[in-house]
Amino acid sequence: MNRLIHPLVALQFAAMSLGAATAPATAHAAPAKSALSGTIGFIGSKVTGSHPCAFKTWSGSVVLAGGKAEGGALEFTVQTASVVADIDQRNDWSPKLEEHLKSPDFFDVARFPTASFRSTAIRSGGEGGSHTVTGDLTMHGVTKRITAPATIQVAAGKVTGKTEFSINRGDFGIVYAGKADDLIRDGVVLKIDVQAATR
């Protein structure tokens, strides 16, 4: 009798072990990233005037948390050589300004072909917008933690975000002063207007 029982018991244990080994683990899918579109630009100014500029080539994504911006994430990367100057009113000097912006005096695109932002926190509320966005801005080989107000809306299968705030270009090692009688201001206004289809 023992000779019949032992193989049967062994077979049962083997089946139990195999079932435990092959039982599917509970998977938690990562939140879906939605590709961003829109405009990423800045306004540089000097004593005699200002120049609105934008980047033609960039990519980015947004992730919502439970269908909301707060707790989600945002990131984008621009190709610095794609900078376009005087986007509101081009003139004969605009191409020359673009080449100067690409030079070592400013973006130094040969050494630093990209600039990027990656959020570390998106919180509801704050002064100057519906949300407050904190993250790391990397430009000209320097990374700085920044916090800025933003107006973010999620509705009808779409998320939109707008922000406008100032940074000091000197914090990123961009210190070209300009002409003695037409000095360039250190403050640069970043203007971001993006959107994405939600999933």
N, C-alpha and C. Protein backbone atom coordinates (compact mmCIF):
# COMPACT_ATOMS: atom_id res chain seq x y z
N MET A 1 0.83 -1.21 0.00
CA MET A 1 0.00 0.00 0.00
C MET A 1 0.87 1.26 0.00
N ASN A 2 1.93 1.24 0.81
CA ASN A 2 2.80 2.41 0.89
C ASN A 2 3.42 2.75 -0.45
N ARG A 3 3.71 1.67 -1.22
CA ARG A 3 4.32 1.91 -2.52
C ARG A 3 3.37 2.64 -3.47
N LEU A 4 2.04 2.48 -3.26
CA LEU A 4 1.07 3.18 -4.09
C LEU A 4 0.80 4.60 -3.58
N ILE A 5 0.79 4.76 -2.26
CA ILE A 5 0.47 6.06 -1.66
C ILE A 5 1.58 7.07 -1.92
N HIS A 6 2.80 6.67 -1.71
CA HIS A 6 3.92 7.62 -1.78
C HIS A 6 4.03 8.31 -3.13
N PRO A 7 3.96 7.58 -4.26
CA PRO A 7 4.01 8.27 -5.55
C PRO A 7 2.84 9.23 -5.75
N LEU A 8 1.65 8.86 -5.27
CA LEU A 8 0.49 9.74 -5.41
C LEU A 8 0.66 11.02 -4.60
N VAL A 9 1.15 10.86 -3.39
CA VAL A 9 1.40 12.04 -2.54
C VAL A 9 2.45 12.92 -3.18
N ALA A 10 3.49 12.30 -3.69
CA ALA A 10 4.55 13.07 -4.35
C ALA A 10 4.01 13.83 -5.54
N LEU A 11 3.11 13.18 -6.31
CA LEU A 11 2.52 13.84 -7.47
C LEU A 11 1.67 15.03 -7.07
N GLN A 12 0.93 14.90 -5.95
CA GLN A 12 0.10 16.01 -5.48
C GLN A 12 0.96 17.20 -5.06
N PHE A 13 2.05 16.92 -4.33
CA PHE A 13 2.94 18.00 -3.91
C PHE A 13 3.59 18.67 -5.12
N ALA A 14 3.94 17.88 -6.12
CA ALA A 14 4.55 18.44 -7.33
C ALA A 14 3.57 19.36 -8.04
N ALA A 15 2.30 18.94 -8.10
CA ALA A 15 1.28 19.76 -8.76
C ALA A 15 1.05 21.05 -8.00
N MET A 16 1.04 20.95 -6.65
CA MET A 16 0.85 22.16 -5.84
C MET A 16 2.01 23.12 -6.03
N SER A 17 3.24 22.58 -6.07
CA SER A 17 4.42 23.43 -6.24
C SER A 17 4.42 24.09 -7.61
N LEU A 18 4.04 23.34 -8.63
CA LEU A 18 4.00 23.89 -9.98
C LEU A 18 2.95 25.00 -10.08
N GLY A 19 1.82 24.80 -9.44
CA GLY A 19 0.78 25.82 -9.46
C GLY A 19 1.22 27.09 -8.78
N ALA A 20 1.93 26.93 -7.65
CA ALA A 20 2.40 28.11 -6.93
C ALA A 20 3.43 28.86 -7.73
N ALA A 21 4.27 28.11 -8.46
CA ALA A 21 5.35 28.76 -9.20
C ALA A 21 4.83 29.50 -10.42
N THR A 22 3.74 28.98 -11.00
CA THR A 22 3.26 29.57 -12.24
C THR A 22 2.07 30.51 -12.04
N ALA A 23 1.64 30.72 -10.80
CA ALA A 23 0.51 31.62 -10.55
C ALA A 23 0.89 33.03 -10.96
N PRO A 24 0.08 33.71 -11.76
CA PRO A 24 0.44 35.04 -12.24
C PRO A 24 0.47 36.05 -11.11
N ALA A 25 1.52 36.88 -11.11
CA ALA A 25 1.65 37.92 -10.09
C ALA A 25 0.70 39.06 -10.44
N THR A 26 0.23 39.75 -9.42
CA THR A 26 -0.64 40.90 -9.64
C THR A 26 0.18 42.03 -10.22
N ALA A 27 -0.16 42.47 -11.41
CA ALA A 27 0.61 43.50 -12.11
C ALA A 27 -0.05 44.86 -11.94
N HIS A 28 0.77 45.85 -11.70
CA HIS A 28 0.29 47.22 -11.61
C HIS A 28 0.85 47.99 -12.80
N ALA A 29 0.00 48.30 -13.76
CA ALA A 29 0.46 48.99 -14.95
C ALA A 29 0.91 50.40 -14.60
N ALA A 30 2.03 50.82 -15.20
CA ALA A 30 2.53 52.17 -14.99
C ALA A 30 1.57 53.17 -15.62
N PRO A 31 1.39 54.34 -15.01
CA PRO A 31 0.51 55.36 -15.60
C PRO A 31 0.95 55.69 -17.02
N ALA A 32 -0.01 55.87 -17.90
CA ALA A 32 0.30 56.13 -19.31
C ALA A 32 0.82 57.55 -19.50
N LYS A 33 1.86 57.68 -20.32
CA LYS A 33 2.38 58.99 -20.68
C LYS A 33 1.64 59.49 -21.91
N SER A 34 1.31 60.78 -21.90
CA SER A 34 0.67 61.42 -23.04
C SER A 34 1.64 62.42 -23.65
N ALA A 35 1.81 62.35 -24.96
CA ALA A 35 2.76 63.23 -25.64
C ALA A 35 2.24 64.67 -25.67
N LEU A 36 3.13 65.59 -25.42
CA LEU A 36 2.78 67.01 -25.40
C LEU A 36 2.97 67.65 -26.77
N SER A 37 2.18 68.68 -27.03
CA SER A 37 2.38 69.56 -28.17
C SER A 37 2.15 70.98 -27.70
N GLY A 38 2.51 71.95 -28.52
CA GLY A 38 2.32 73.34 -28.11
C GLY A 38 3.57 74.16 -28.35
N THR A 39 3.81 75.12 -27.46
CA THR A 39 4.91 76.07 -27.64
C THR A 39 5.75 76.16 -26.38
N ILE A 40 7.06 76.09 -26.56
CA ILE A 40 8.01 76.34 -25.47
C ILE A 40 8.95 77.44 -25.94
N GLY A 41 8.95 78.55 -25.21
CA GLY A 41 9.76 79.67 -25.65
C GLY A 41 10.20 80.56 -24.49
N PHE A 42 10.73 81.71 -24.84
CA PHE A 42 11.23 82.64 -23.83
C PHE A 42 11.28 84.04 -24.42
N ILE A 43 11.39 85.01 -23.54
CA ILE A 43 11.57 86.39 -23.94
C ILE A 43 12.86 86.91 -23.31
N GLY A 44 13.81 87.24 -24.16
CA GLY A 44 15.04 87.88 -23.70
C GLY A 44 14.94 89.37 -23.96
N SER A 45 15.49 90.17 -23.08
CA SER A 45 15.36 91.62 -23.26
C SER A 45 16.67 92.33 -22.94
N LYS A 46 16.77 93.50 -23.51
CA LYS A 46 17.91 94.39 -23.26
C LYS A 46 17.38 95.80 -23.07
N VAL A 47 18.27 96.74 -22.93
CA VAL A 47 17.85 98.10 -22.64
C VAL A 47 16.93 98.65 -23.72
N THR A 48 17.23 98.33 -24.98
CA THR A 48 16.49 98.94 -26.08
C THR A 48 15.28 98.14 -26.56
N GLY A 49 15.04 96.95 -26.01
CA GLY A 49 13.89 96.19 -26.47
C GLY A 49 13.94 94.74 -26.04
N SER A 50 13.00 93.95 -26.56
CA SER A 50 12.92 92.54 -26.18
C SER A 50 12.76 91.67 -27.42
N HIS A 51 13.05 90.37 -27.25
CA HIS A 51 12.98 89.43 -28.37
C HIS A 51 12.24 88.17 -27.92
N PRO A 52 11.01 87.97 -28.38
CA PRO A 52 10.31 86.72 -28.10
C PRO A 52 10.86 85.60 -28.99
N CYS A 53 11.21 84.48 -28.38
CA CYS A 53 11.83 83.38 -29.09
C CYS A 53 11.13 82.07 -28.73
N ALA A 54 11.31 81.06 -29.58
CA ALA A 54 10.72 79.76 -29.32
C ALA A 54 11.61 78.68 -29.93
N PHE A 55 11.38 77.43 -29.50
CA PHE A 55 12.12 76.29 -30.01
C PHE A 55 11.23 75.51 -30.97
N LYS A 56 11.71 75.32 -32.20
CA LYS A 56 10.91 74.60 -33.19
C LYS A 56 10.84 73.11 -32.90
N THR A 57 11.92 72.56 -32.33
CA THR A 57 12.00 71.12 -32.14
C THR A 57 12.10 70.79 -30.66
N TRP A 58 11.11 70.06 -30.17
CA TRP A 58 11.13 69.63 -28.77
C TRP A 58 10.17 68.45 -28.61
N SER A 59 10.31 67.75 -27.51
CA SER A 59 9.41 66.64 -27.21
C SER A 59 9.17 66.61 -25.70
N GLY A 60 8.03 66.06 -25.31
CA GLY A 60 7.72 66.00 -23.89
C GLY A 60 6.52 65.14 -23.62
N SER A 61 6.25 64.92 -22.35
CA SER A 61 5.12 64.07 -21.97
C SER A 61 4.57 64.51 -20.62
N VAL A 62 3.32 64.12 -20.37
CA VAL A 62 2.67 64.37 -19.10
C VAL A 62 2.01 63.09 -18.63
N VAL A 63 2.02 62.89 -17.33
CA VAL A 63 1.36 61.74 -16.71
C VAL A 63 0.41 62.26 -15.65
N LEU A 64 -0.85 61.87 -15.73
CA LEU A 64 -1.83 62.27 -14.72
C LEU A 64 -1.88 61.22 -13.62
N ALA A 65 -2.29 61.63 -12.44
CA ALA A 65 -2.44 60.72 -11.30
C ALA A 65 -3.93 60.63 -10.97
N GLY A 66 -4.53 59.51 -11.31
CA GLY A 66 -5.96 59.37 -11.06
C GLY A 66 -6.79 60.38 -11.82
N GLY A 67 -6.33 60.74 -13.02
CA GLY A 67 -7.06 61.71 -13.82
C GLY A 67 -6.84 63.15 -13.42
N LYS A 68 -5.90 63.41 -12.52
CA LYS A 68 -5.62 64.76 -12.04
C LYS A 68 -4.17 65.12 -12.27
N ALA A 69 -3.91 66.44 -12.38
CA ALA A 69 -2.54 66.90 -12.57
C ALA A 69 -1.72 66.76 -11.30
N GLU A 70 -2.33 67.08 -10.15
CA GLU A 70 -1.59 67.00 -8.90
C GLU A 70 -1.17 65.55 -8.63
N GLY A 71 0.09 65.41 -8.31
CA GLY A 71 0.63 64.08 -8.11
C GLY A 71 1.14 63.44 -9.39
N GLY A 72 0.93 64.11 -10.53
CA GLY A 72 1.38 63.60 -11.81
C GLY A 72 2.81 64.03 -12.11
N ALA A 73 3.18 64.00 -13.39
CA ALA A 73 4.55 64.32 -13.77
C ALA A 73 4.57 64.96 -15.15
N LEU A 74 5.59 65.80 -15.36
CA LEU A 74 5.76 66.52 -16.61
C LEU A 74 7.24 66.55 -16.96
N GLU A 75 7.55 66.37 -18.23
CA GLU A 75 8.93 66.50 -18.67
C GLU A 75 8.98 66.91 -20.13
N PHE A 76 10.04 67.65 -20.49
CA PHE A 76 10.24 67.99 -21.89
C PHE A 76 11.71 68.27 -22.14
N THR A 77 12.11 68.13 -23.40
CA THR A 77 13.47 68.40 -23.83
C THR A 77 13.42 69.19 -25.13
N VAL A 78 14.15 70.30 -25.19
CA VAL A 78 14.20 71.11 -26.40
C VAL A 78 15.57 70.95 -27.06
N GLN A 79 15.57 71.05 -28.38
CA GLN A 79 16.81 71.09 -29.15
C GLN A 79 17.21 72.55 -29.28
N THR A 80 18.29 72.93 -28.62
CA THR A 80 18.64 74.35 -28.53
C THR A 80 18.96 74.96 -29.90
N ALA A 81 19.45 74.16 -30.84
CA ALA A 81 19.77 74.70 -32.16
C ALA A 81 18.52 75.05 -32.96
N SER A 82 17.35 74.67 -32.46
CA SER A 82 16.11 74.96 -33.19
C SER A 82 15.50 76.30 -32.78
N VAL A 83 16.25 77.11 -32.04
CA VAL A 83 15.71 78.37 -31.56
C VAL A 83 15.36 79.30 -32.73
N VAL A 84 14.21 79.94 -32.61
CA VAL A 84 13.74 80.91 -33.60
C VAL A 84 13.51 82.23 -32.88
N ALA A 85 14.08 83.31 -33.40
CA ALA A 85 13.99 84.62 -32.75
C ALA A 85 12.90 85.48 -33.37
N ASP A 86 12.40 86.40 -32.59
CA ASP A 86 11.42 87.38 -33.05
C ASP A 86 10.21 86.71 -33.69
N ILE A 87 9.62 85.77 -32.95
CA ILE A 87 8.54 84.96 -33.52
C ILE A 87 7.30 85.80 -33.84
N ASP A 88 7.13 86.93 -33.17
CA ASP A 88 5.96 87.77 -33.43
C ASP A 88 6.15 88.68 -34.64
N GLN A 89 7.40 89.06 -34.87
CA GLN A 89 7.67 90.00 -35.97
C GLN A 89 9.11 89.82 -36.44
N ARG A 90 9.28 88.95 -37.43
CA ARG A 90 10.61 88.70 -37.98
C ARG A 90 11.12 89.96 -38.70
N ASN A 91 12.45 90.11 -38.69
CA ASN A 91 13.05 91.23 -39.41
C ASN A 91 14.41 90.79 -39.96
N ASP A 92 15.11 91.69 -40.61
CA ASP A 92 16.38 91.35 -41.26
C ASP A 92 17.45 90.90 -40.27
N TRP A 93 17.30 91.32 -39.00
CA TRP A 93 18.30 90.97 -38.00
C TRP A 93 18.00 89.65 -37.29
N SER A 94 16.82 89.11 -37.49
CA SER A 94 16.43 87.89 -36.77
C SER A 94 17.36 86.70 -37.02
N PRO A 95 17.74 86.41 -38.27
CA PRO A 95 18.68 85.29 -38.48
C PRO A 95 20.03 85.49 -37.78
N LYS A 96 20.50 86.72 -37.75
CA LYS A 96 21.77 87.00 -37.07
C LYS A 96 21.64 86.79 -35.56
N LEU A 97 20.49 87.19 -35.02
CA LEU A 97 20.26 86.98 -33.59
C LEU A 97 20.21 85.48 -33.28
N GLU A 98 19.57 84.71 -34.15
CA GLU A 98 19.50 83.26 -33.93
C GLU A 98 20.90 82.64 -33.89
N GLU A 99 21.75 83.05 -34.81
CA GLU A 99 23.11 82.52 -34.81
C GLU A 99 23.87 82.92 -33.55
N HIS A 100 23.62 84.14 -33.08
CA HIS A 100 24.29 84.57 -31.85
C HIS A 100 23.79 83.77 -30.65
N LEU A 101 22.48 83.50 -30.62
CA LEU A 101 21.92 82.70 -29.52
C LEU A 101 22.50 81.28 -29.50
N LYS A 102 22.85 80.76 -30.67
CA LYS A 102 23.43 79.41 -30.75
C LYS A 102 24.91 79.38 -30.38
N SER A 103 25.54 80.53 -30.33
CA SER A 103 26.98 80.63 -30.11
C SER A 103 27.34 80.40 -28.63
N PRO A 104 28.64 80.30 -28.31
CA PRO A 104 29.07 80.14 -26.91
C PRO A 104 28.66 81.29 -26.00
N ASP A 105 28.27 82.43 -26.56
CA ASP A 105 27.82 83.54 -25.71
C ASP A 105 26.50 83.21 -25.00
N PHE A 106 25.72 82.32 -25.61
CA PHE A 106 24.41 81.99 -25.04
C PHE A 106 24.23 80.47 -24.89
N PHE A 107 23.49 79.83 -25.76
CA PHE A 107 23.18 78.41 -25.57
C PHE A 107 24.36 77.48 -25.83
N ASP A 108 25.31 77.93 -26.65
CA ASP A 108 26.48 77.10 -26.99
C ASP A 108 26.01 75.71 -27.45
N VAL A 109 25.25 75.70 -28.54
CA VAL A 109 24.57 74.47 -28.97
C VAL A 109 25.53 73.35 -29.34
N ALA A 110 26.74 73.67 -29.72
CA ALA A 110 27.71 72.63 -30.06
C ALA A 110 28.06 71.79 -28.83
N ARG A 111 28.13 72.42 -27.68
CA ARG A 111 28.45 71.71 -26.44
C ARG A 111 27.21 71.23 -25.71
N PHE A 112 26.13 72.01 -25.81
CA PHE A 112 24.91 71.69 -25.06
C PHE A 112 23.71 71.69 -26.02
N PRO A 113 23.54 70.60 -26.76
CA PRO A 113 22.50 70.56 -27.80
C PRO A 113 21.07 70.50 -27.27
N THR A 114 20.91 70.22 -25.99
CA THR A 114 19.55 70.14 -25.44
C THR A 114 19.45 70.92 -24.13
N ALA A 115 18.22 71.30 -23.81
CA ALA A 115 17.86 71.83 -22.50
C ALA A 115 16.61 71.07 -22.09
N SER A 116 16.44 70.82 -20.80
CA SER A 116 15.33 69.96 -20.40
C SER A 116 14.76 70.36 -19.04
N PHE A 117 13.54 69.89 -18.82
CA PHE A 117 12.87 70.07 -17.53
C PHE A 117 12.20 68.76 -17.15
N ARG A 118 12.34 68.39 -15.88
CA ARG A 118 11.68 67.20 -15.35
C ARG A 118 11.08 67.55 -13.99
N SER A 119 9.77 67.43 -13.88
CA SER A 119 9.11 67.80 -12.63
C SER A 119 9.43 66.81 -11.52
N THR A 120 9.44 67.34 -10.29
CA THR A 120 9.57 66.50 -9.10
C THR A 120 8.31 66.53 -8.26
N ALA A 121 7.45 67.53 -8.50
CA ALA A 121 6.18 67.62 -7.78
C ALA A 121 5.24 68.56 -8.52
N ILE A 122 3.96 68.17 -8.58
CA ILE A 122 2.90 69.05 -9.08
C ILE A 122 1.82 69.09 -8.01
N ARG A 123 1.60 70.28 -7.46
CA ARG A 123 0.65 70.43 -6.36
C ARG A 123 -0.49 71.37 -6.77
N SER A 124 -1.64 71.11 -6.22
CA SER A 124 -2.79 71.97 -6.46
C SER A 124 -2.65 73.27 -5.68
N GLY A 125 -3.06 74.38 -6.29
CA GLY A 125 -3.03 75.66 -5.60
C GLY A 125 -1.70 76.37 -5.76
N GLY A 126 -1.66 77.57 -5.25
CA GLY A 126 -0.46 78.39 -5.32
C GLY A 126 -0.77 79.76 -5.90
N GLU A 127 0.12 80.68 -5.67
CA GLU A 127 -0.08 82.05 -6.13
C GLU A 127 0.26 82.18 -7.60
N GLY A 128 -0.67 82.72 -8.38
CA GLY A 128 -0.42 82.96 -9.79
C GLY A 128 -0.86 81.86 -10.72
N GLY A 129 -1.54 80.83 -10.21
CA GLY A 129 -2.01 79.76 -11.08
C GLY A 129 -2.84 78.76 -10.30
N SER A 130 -3.38 77.78 -11.02
CA SER A 130 -4.18 76.76 -10.36
C SER A 130 -3.31 75.71 -9.68
N HIS A 131 -2.04 75.60 -10.11
CA HIS A 131 -1.12 74.60 -9.58
C HIS A 131 0.27 75.21 -9.37
N THR A 132 1.08 74.49 -8.64
CA THR A 132 2.48 74.84 -8.46
C THR A 132 3.34 73.67 -8.91
N VAL A 133 4.26 73.95 -9.82
CA VAL A 133 5.11 72.90 -10.38
C VAL A 133 6.54 73.12 -9.91
N THR A 134 7.15 72.08 -9.39
CA THR A 134 8.55 72.09 -8.98
C THR A 134 9.30 71.04 -9.79
N GLY A 135 10.52 71.37 -10.17
CA GLY A 135 11.29 70.40 -10.93
C GLY A 135 12.68 70.89 -11.22
N ASP A 136 13.43 70.09 -11.98
CA ASP A 136 14.82 70.37 -12.31
C ASP A 136 14.93 70.87 -13.75
N LEU A 137 15.45 72.07 -13.90
CA LEU A 137 15.70 72.67 -15.20
C LEU A 137 17.18 72.54 -15.51
N THR A 138 17.51 71.90 -16.63
CA THR A 138 18.90 71.73 -17.04
C THR A 138 19.14 72.51 -18.32
N MET A 139 20.11 73.40 -18.27
CA MET A 139 20.41 74.25 -19.42
C MET A 139 21.88 74.66 -19.35
N HIS A 140 22.54 74.65 -20.49
CA HIS A 140 23.93 75.11 -20.54
C HIS A 140 24.82 74.31 -19.59
N GLY A 141 24.46 73.02 -19.39
CA GLY A 141 25.25 72.14 -18.54
C GLY A 141 25.03 72.31 -17.05
N VAL A 142 24.03 73.09 -16.67
CA VAL A 142 23.75 73.36 -15.26
C VAL A 142 22.32 72.94 -14.94
N THR A 143 22.13 72.28 -13.81
CA THR A 143 20.79 71.88 -13.37
C THR A 143 20.41 72.65 -12.11
N LYS A 144 19.24 73.27 -12.13
CA LYS A 144 18.74 74.02 -10.98
C LYS A 144 17.31 73.59 -10.67
N ARG A 145 16.99 73.50 -9.39
CA ARG A 145 15.63 73.22 -8.95
C ARG A 145 14.83 74.52 -8.99
N ILE A 146 13.71 74.51 -9.68
CA ILE A 146 12.87 75.70 -9.79
C ILE A 146 11.44 75.37 -9.38
N THR A 147 10.71 76.40 -8.98
CA THR A 147 9.29 76.27 -8.66
C THR A 147 8.55 77.40 -9.35
N ALA A 148 7.45 77.07 -10.02
CA ALA A 148 6.72 78.09 -10.79
C ALA A 148 5.23 77.82 -10.73
N PRO A 149 4.44 78.89 -10.83
CA PRO A 149 2.98 78.72 -10.92
C PRO A 149 2.59 78.25 -12.30
N ALA A 150 1.49 77.54 -12.40
CA ALA A 150 0.99 77.08 -13.70
C ALA A 150 -0.53 76.99 -13.64
N THR A 151 -1.15 77.23 -14.77
CA THR A 151 -2.59 77.04 -14.90
C THR A 151 -2.81 75.75 -15.68
N ILE A 152 -3.32 74.73 -14.99
CA ILE A 152 -3.50 73.41 -15.58
C ILE A 152 -4.97 73.03 -15.52
N GLN A 153 -5.49 72.53 -16.63
CA GLN A 153 -6.88 72.09 -16.68
C GLN A 153 -6.95 70.70 -17.32
N VAL A 154 -7.80 69.87 -16.75
CA VAL A 154 -8.05 68.53 -17.30
C VAL A 154 -9.54 68.43 -17.55
N ALA A 155 -9.92 68.30 -18.82
CA ALA A 155 -11.35 68.24 -19.16
C ALA A 155 -11.50 67.74 -20.59
N ALA A 156 -12.61 67.05 -20.82
CA ALA A 156 -12.99 66.61 -22.17
C ALA A 156 -11.86 65.87 -22.88
N GLY A 157 -11.19 64.98 -22.15
CA GLY A 157 -10.15 64.16 -22.75
C GLY A 157 -8.88 64.91 -23.11
N LYS A 158 -8.64 66.03 -22.44
CA LYS A 158 -7.48 66.85 -22.77
C LYS A 158 -6.93 67.51 -21.52
N VAL A 159 -5.62 67.62 -21.45
CA VAL A 159 -4.97 68.38 -20.38
C VAL A 159 -4.21 69.53 -21.02
N THR A 160 -4.38 70.73 -20.46
CA THR A 160 -3.68 71.91 -20.95
C THR A 160 -2.90 72.53 -19.80
N GLY A 161 -1.78 73.13 -20.14
CA GLY A 161 -0.96 73.78 -19.12
C GLY A 161 -0.28 75.02 -19.66
N LYS A 162 -0.33 76.09 -18.89
CA LYS A 162 0.33 77.34 -19.27
C LYS A 162 1.10 77.89 -18.07
N THR A 163 2.26 78.45 -18.35
CA THR A 163 3.02 79.11 -17.30
C THR A 163 3.90 80.18 -17.90
N GLU A 164 4.18 81.18 -17.12
CA GLU A 164 5.08 82.27 -17.52
C GLU A 164 5.79 82.74 -16.26
N PHE A 165 7.10 82.59 -16.24
CA PHE A 165 7.87 82.96 -15.05
C PHE A 165 9.29 83.31 -15.47
N SER A 166 10.02 83.94 -14.57
CA SER A 166 11.35 84.44 -14.90
C SER A 166 12.44 83.61 -14.22
N ILE A 167 13.54 83.41 -14.94
CA ILE A 167 14.74 82.82 -14.37
C ILE A 167 15.91 83.77 -14.59
N ASN A 168 16.98 83.58 -13.84
CA ASN A 168 18.19 84.36 -14.02
C ASN A 168 19.16 83.55 -14.88
N ARG A 169 19.46 84.04 -16.07
CA ARG A 169 20.33 83.29 -16.98
C ARG A 169 21.72 83.08 -16.39
N GLY A 170 22.13 83.99 -15.52
CA GLY A 170 23.44 83.85 -14.87
C GLY A 170 23.53 82.62 -14.00
N ASP A 171 22.40 82.16 -13.46
CA ASP A 171 22.39 80.95 -12.65
C ASP A 171 22.79 79.72 -13.47
N PHE A 172 22.68 79.82 -14.79
CA PHE A 172 23.01 78.71 -15.67
C PHE A 172 24.31 78.96 -16.45
N GLY A 173 25.07 79.95 -15.99
CA GLY A 173 26.36 80.22 -16.61
C GLY A 173 26.29 80.97 -17.92
N ILE A 174 25.15 81.60 -18.22
CA ILE A 174 25.02 82.41 -19.44
C ILE A 174 25.15 83.86 -19.02
N VAL A 175 26.32 84.43 -19.24
CA VAL A 175 26.64 85.72 -18.63
C VAL A 175 27.04 86.79 -19.64
N TYR A 176 26.84 86.54 -20.92
CA TYR A 176 27.19 87.55 -21.93
C TYR A 176 26.44 88.85 -21.63
N ALA A 177 27.18 89.95 -21.53
CA ALA A 177 26.60 91.21 -21.06
C ALA A 177 25.93 92.02 -22.15
N GLY A 178 26.37 91.88 -23.39
CA GLY A 178 25.87 92.73 -24.45
C GLY A 178 26.74 93.95 -24.63
N LYS A 179 26.28 94.87 -25.44
CA LYS A 179 27.04 96.09 -25.70
C LYS A 179 26.97 97.03 -24.50
N ALA A 180 27.97 97.84 -24.35
CA ALA A 180 28.04 98.74 -23.20
C ALA A 180 26.86 99.69 -23.15
N ASP A 181 26.35 100.09 -24.32
CA ASP A 181 25.22 101.02 -24.36
C ASP A 181 23.88 100.31 -24.59
N ASP A 182 23.90 98.96 -24.55
CA ASP A 182 22.66 98.20 -24.77
C ASP A 182 22.76 96.86 -24.02
N LEU A 183 22.86 96.94 -22.71
CA LEU A 183 23.11 95.76 -21.89
C LEU A 183 21.91 94.81 -21.90
N ILE A 184 22.22 93.53 -21.83
CA ILE A 184 21.19 92.49 -21.81
C ILE A 184 20.80 92.20 -20.36
N ARG A 185 19.51 92.13 -20.11
CA ARG A 185 19.03 91.87 -18.75
C ARG A 185 19.25 90.41 -18.37
N ASP A 186 19.52 90.20 -17.08
CA ASP A 186 19.76 88.83 -16.60
C ASP A 186 18.48 88.02 -16.55
N GLY A 187 17.36 88.67 -16.30
CA GLY A 187 16.09 87.97 -16.20
C GLY A 187 15.56 87.56 -17.58
N VAL A 188 15.22 86.29 -17.70
CA VAL A 188 14.64 85.75 -18.94
C VAL A 188 13.29 85.16 -18.59
N VAL A 189 12.26 85.53 -19.33
CA VAL A 189 10.92 85.04 -19.08
C VAL A 189 10.67 83.78 -19.89
N LEU A 190 10.40 82.68 -19.21
CA LEU A 190 10.04 81.44 -19.89
C LEU A 190 8.53 81.41 -20.10
N LYS A 191 8.11 81.02 -21.30
CA LYS A 191 6.69 80.96 -21.64
C LYS A 191 6.40 79.56 -22.19
N ILE A 192 5.53 78.85 -21.51
CA ILE A 192 5.20 77.48 -21.89
C ILE A 192 3.69 77.34 -22.02
N ASP A 193 3.26 76.82 -23.16
CA ASP A 193 1.83 76.65 -23.44
C ASP A 193 1.69 75.30 -24.15
N VAL A 194 1.29 74.28 -23.39
CA VAL A 194 1.28 72.91 -23.93
C VAL A 194 -0.06 72.22 -23.66
N GLN A 195 -0.27 71.11 -24.39
CA GLN A 195 -1.48 70.33 -24.21
C GLN A 195 -1.22 68.90 -24.63
N ALA A 196 -2.11 68.01 -24.19
CA ALA A 196 -2.00 66.58 -24.54
C ALA A 196 -3.37 65.94 -24.41
N ALA A 197 -3.60 64.93 -25.21
CA ALA A 197 -4.81 64.12 -25.09
C ALA A 197 -4.64 63.17 -23.93
N THR A 198 -5.63 63.08 -23.06
CA THR A 198 -5.54 62.19 -21.89
C THR A 198 -5.99 60.78 -22.28
N ARG A 199 -5.55 59.81 -21.48
CA ARG A 199 -5.90 58.40 -21.75
C ARG A 199 -6.69 57.83 -20.59
